[in-house]
Amino acid sequence: QVQLVESGGGLVQPGGSLRLSCAASRSIASINTITWYRQAPGEQRDLVAASTSDGRTNYADSVKGQFTISRDNTQKTVYLQMNNLKPAETAVYYCKYTIFGFDYWGQGTQVTVSS
C-alpha cells in the first residue's frame, strides 16, 4: 500500500506559477512511475507528466516547455513545476504511483487560474 498526498494547489493569476508536490508514504527509489494527471469539471482525467525511477520523463504535448516534473527520492516526493499558467488549466491535479502493475492515487489538489 502507498498513500499519496498532493499539495501546492491554489489560486493563481494567468501567467503565474505553482509547484505541486506529491508526497509518498514509502520510498520511491524502487522501480516505479509517478504520473501527474489533471481533471477539469466535466472533463476526463488527462495525463500531464510522468517520471520513471530510471530518470525518464514524459509530458503531454500541451505542457512541454511549460511544466517540469522532478523527483526527490530522499524526500519521497515528486514535484510538478507549472509556469505561465492559463485559465484553461484550471483543474484538480492528481498524482498516481504505479509499481508492479498496481496504481495508487492521491486525493488531488485544486489549481485555479483566474484573474
C-alpha atoms as a PDB file:
ATOM      1  CA  GLN A   1       0.000   0.000   0.000  1.00  0.00           C
ATOM      2  CA  VAL A   2       1.110   3.521  -0.789  1.00  0.00           C
ATOM      3  CA  GLN A   3      -0.532   6.706   0.382  1.00  0.00           C
ATOM      4  CA  LEU A   4      -0.026   9.828  -1.673  1.00  0.00           C
ATOM      5  CA  VAL A   5      -0.679  13.378  -0.562  1.00  0.00           C
ATOM      6  CA  GLU A   6      -0.736  16.205  -3.088  1.00  0.00           C
ATOM      7  CA  SER A   7      -0.228  19.810  -2.055  1.00  0.00           C
ATOM      8  CA  GLY A   8       0.678  23.161  -3.511  1.00  0.00           C
ATOM      9  CA  GLY A   9      -2.503  23.958  -5.362  1.00  0.00           C
ATOM     10  CA  GLY A  10      -4.360  27.221  -5.046  1.00  0.00           C
ATOM     11  CA  LEU A  11      -5.476  30.315  -6.856  1.00  0.00           C
ATOM     12  CA  VAL A  12      -3.019  31.911  -9.242  1.00  0.00           C
ATOM     13  CA  GLN A  13      -3.342  34.652 -11.824  1.00  0.00           C
ATOM     14  CA  PRO A  14      -2.850  33.900 -15.511  1.00  0.00           C
ATOM     15  CA  GLY A  15       0.834  33.764 -16.304  1.00  0.00           C
ATOM     16  CA  GLY A  16       1.683  32.788 -12.762  1.00  0.00           C
ATOM     17  CA  SER A  17       3.450  29.718 -11.428  1.00  0.00           C
ATOM     18  CA  LEU A  18       2.778  26.981  -8.923  1.00  0.00           C
ATOM     19  CA  ARG A  19       4.748  23.996  -7.712  1.00  0.00           C
ATOM     20  CA  LEU A  20       2.745  20.943  -6.805  1.00  0.00           C
ATOM     21  CA  SER A  21       4.094  18.238  -4.520  1.00  0.00           C
ATOM     22  CA  CYS A  22       3.158  14.575  -4.297  1.00  0.00           C
ATOM     23  CA  ALA A  23       4.469  13.019  -1.102  1.00  0.00           C
ATOM     24  CA  ALA A  24       4.518   9.233  -0.864  1.00  0.00           C
ATOM     25  CA  SER A  25       4.270   7.175   2.300  1.00  0.00           C
ATOM     26  CA  ARG A  26       7.021   4.843   1.171  1.00  0.00           C
ATOM     27  CA  SER A  27      10.264   5.061  -0.734  1.00  0.00           C
ATOM     28  CA  ILE A  28      10.022   5.990  -4.384  1.00  0.00           C
ATOM     29  CA  ALA A  29      13.524   4.819  -5.152  1.00  0.00           C
ATOM     30  CA  SER A  30      12.377   1.389  -6.338  1.00  0.00           C
ATOM     31  CA  ILE A  31      11.167   0.655  -9.848  1.00  0.00           C
ATOM     32  CA  ASN A  32       8.083   2.795 -10.349  1.00  0.00           C
ATOM     33  CA  THR A  33       6.413   5.514 -12.327  1.00  0.00           C
ATOM     34  CA  ILE A  34       4.799   8.583 -10.840  1.00  0.00           C
ATOM     35  CA  THR A  35       2.394  10.463 -13.044  1.00  0.00           C
ATOM     36  CA  TRP A  36       0.543  13.739 -12.722  1.00  0.00           C
ATOM     37  CA  TYR A  37      -2.949  13.981 -14.175  1.00  0.00           C
ATOM     38  CA  ARG A  38      -5.494  16.759 -14.233  1.00  0.00           C
ATOM     39  CA  GLN A  39      -9.249  16.786 -14.481  1.00  0.00           C
ATOM     40  CA  ALA A  40     -11.316  19.846 -15.254  1.00  0.00           C
ATOM     41  CA  PRO A  41     -15.026  19.908 -14.367  1.00  0.00           C
ATOM     42  CA  GLY A  42     -16.994  17.747 -16.763  1.00  0.00           C
ATOM     43  CA  GLU A  43     -13.848  16.532 -18.497  1.00  0.00           C
ATOM     44  CA  GLN A  44     -11.869  13.312 -18.474  1.00  0.00           C
ATOM     45  CA  ARG A  45      -8.721  12.898 -16.457  1.00  0.00           C
ATOM     46  CA  ASP A  46      -5.726  13.616 -18.671  1.00  0.00           C
ATOM     47  CA  LEU A  47      -2.059  12.784 -18.283  1.00  0.00           C
ATOM     48  CA  VAL A  48       0.126  15.829 -17.710  1.00  0.00           C
ATOM     49  CA  ALA A  49       3.605  14.478 -16.951  1.00  0.00           C
ATOM     50  CA  ALA A  50       5.292  11.280 -15.826  1.00  0.00           C
ATOM     51  CA  SER A  51       8.564  10.409 -14.136  1.00  0.00           C
ATOM     52  CA  THR A  52      10.117   6.960 -14.009  1.00  0.00           C
ATOM     53  CA  SER A  53      12.578   5.755 -11.423  1.00  0.00           C
ATOM     54  CA  ASP A  54      15.252   5.301 -14.114  1.00  0.00           C
ATOM     55  CA  GLY A  55      15.192   9.008 -14.857  1.00  0.00           C
ATOM     56  CA  ARG A  56      12.906   9.261 -17.847  1.00  0.00           C
ATOM     57  CA  THR A  57      10.212  11.914 -18.117  1.00  0.00           C
ATOM     58  CA  ASN A  58       7.236  12.288 -20.403  1.00  0.00           C
ATOM     59  CA  TYR A  59       4.931  15.252 -20.974  1.00  0.00           C
ATOM     60  CA  ALA A  60       1.648  15.936 -22.651  1.00  0.00           C
ATOM     61  CA  ASP A  61       2.258  17.990 -25.768  1.00  0.00           C
ATOM     62  CA  SER A  62       0.204  20.837 -24.331  1.00  0.00           C
ATOM     63  CA  VAL A  63       2.587  21.367 -21.400  1.00  0.00           C
ATOM     64  CA  LYS A  64       6.006  20.700 -22.956  1.00  0.00           C
ATOM     65  CA  GLY A  65       8.306  23.571 -22.121  1.00  0.00           C
ATOM     66  CA  GLN A  66       5.814  24.908 -19.585  1.00  0.00           C
ATOM     67  CA  PHE A  67       5.731  22.217 -16.878  1.00  0.00           C
ATOM     68  CA  THR A  68       8.605  20.311 -15.327  1.00  0.00           C
ATOM     69  CA  ILE A  69       8.337  17.095 -13.353  1.00  0.00           C
ATOM     70  CA  SER A  70      11.069  16.152 -10.921  1.00  0.00           C
ATOM     71  CA  ARG A  71      11.551  13.798  -8.004  1.00  0.00           C
ATOM     72  CA  ASP A  72      13.445  13.795  -4.757  1.00  0.00           C
ATOM     73  CA  ASN A  73      13.884  10.205  -3.651  1.00  0.00           C
ATOM     74  CA  THR A  74      15.221  11.188  -0.228  1.00  0.00           C
ATOM     75  CA  GLN A  75      12.044  13.170   0.428  1.00  0.00           C
ATOM     76  CA  LYS A  76       9.810  10.546  -1.250  1.00  0.00           C
ATOM     77  CA  THR A  77       8.281  13.414  -3.201  1.00  0.00           C
ATOM     78  CA  VAL A  78       7.595  14.204  -6.826  1.00  0.00           C
ATOM     79  CA  TYR A  79       7.107  17.785  -7.913  1.00  0.00           C
ATOM     80  CA  LEU A  80       5.337  19.456 -10.787  1.00  0.00           C
ATOM     81  CA  GLN A  81       6.580  22.946 -11.549  1.00  0.00           C
ATOM     82  CA  MET A  82       3.961  24.782 -13.580  1.00  0.00           C
ATOM     83  CA  ASN A  83       4.792  28.076 -15.243  1.00  0.00           C
ATOM     84  CA  ASN A  84       2.817  30.533 -17.353  1.00  0.00           C
ATOM     85  CA  LEU A  85      -0.470  29.049 -16.234  1.00  0.00           C
ATOM     86  CA  LYS A  86      -3.609  29.649 -18.259  1.00  0.00           C
ATOM     87  CA  PRO A  87      -7.254  29.728 -17.160  1.00  0.00           C
ATOM     88  CA  ALA A  88      -7.901  26.614 -19.252  1.00  0.00           C
ATOM     89  CA  GLU A  89      -5.502  24.748 -16.954  1.00  0.00           C
ATOM     90  CA  THR A  90      -7.842  25.117 -14.029  1.00  0.00           C
ATOM     91  CA  ALA A  91      -8.417  21.598 -12.768  1.00  0.00           C
ATOM     92  CA  VAL A  92      -7.893  19.168  -9.954  1.00  0.00           C
ATOM     93  CA  TYR A  93      -4.390  17.775 -10.249  1.00  0.00           C
ATOM     94  CA  TYR A  94      -3.773  14.187  -9.138  1.00  0.00           C
ATOM     95  CA  CYS A  95      -0.665  12.099  -8.780  1.00  0.00           C
ATOM     96  CA  LYS A  96      -0.546   8.369  -9.365  1.00  0.00           C
ATOM     97  CA  TYR A  97       2.118   5.917  -8.200  1.00  0.00           C
ATOM     98  CA  THR A  98       2.499   2.778 -10.293  1.00  0.00           C
ATOM     99  CA  ILE A  99       4.567  -0.163  -9.103  1.00  0.00           C
ATOM    100  CA  PHE A 100       4.437  -3.785 -10.232  1.00  0.00           C
ATOM    101  CA  GLY A 101       1.252  -3.032 -12.159  1.00  0.00           C
ATOM    102  CA  PHE A 102      -0.614  -1.540  -9.194  1.00  0.00           C
ATOM    103  CA  ASP A 103      -1.841   2.057  -9.221  1.00  0.00           C
ATOM    104  CA  TYR A 104      -2.232   4.266  -6.167  1.00  0.00           C
ATOM    105  CA  TRP A 105      -3.877   7.675  -6.379  1.00  0.00           C
ATOM    106  CA  GLY A 106      -3.747  10.753  -4.253  1.00  0.00           C
ATOM    107  CA  GLN A 107      -6.794  12.801  -3.335  1.00  0.00           C
ATOM    108  CA  GLY A 108      -5.960  15.660  -5.692  1.00  0.00           C
ATOM    109  CA  THR A 109      -5.205  19.339  -5.285  1.00  0.00           C
ATOM    110  CA  GLN A 110      -7.222  22.138  -6.849  1.00  0.00           C
ATOM    111  CA  VAL A 111      -5.485  24.585  -9.176  1.00  0.00           C
ATOM    112  CA  THR A 112      -7.490  27.624 -10.190  1.00  0.00           C
ATOM    113  CA  VAL A 113      -6.083  30.057 -12.727  1.00  0.00           C
ATOM    114  CA  SER A 114      -8.076  33.248 -12.702  1.00  0.00           C
ATOM    115  CA  SER A 115      -7.679  36.990 -12.530  1.00  0.00           C
END
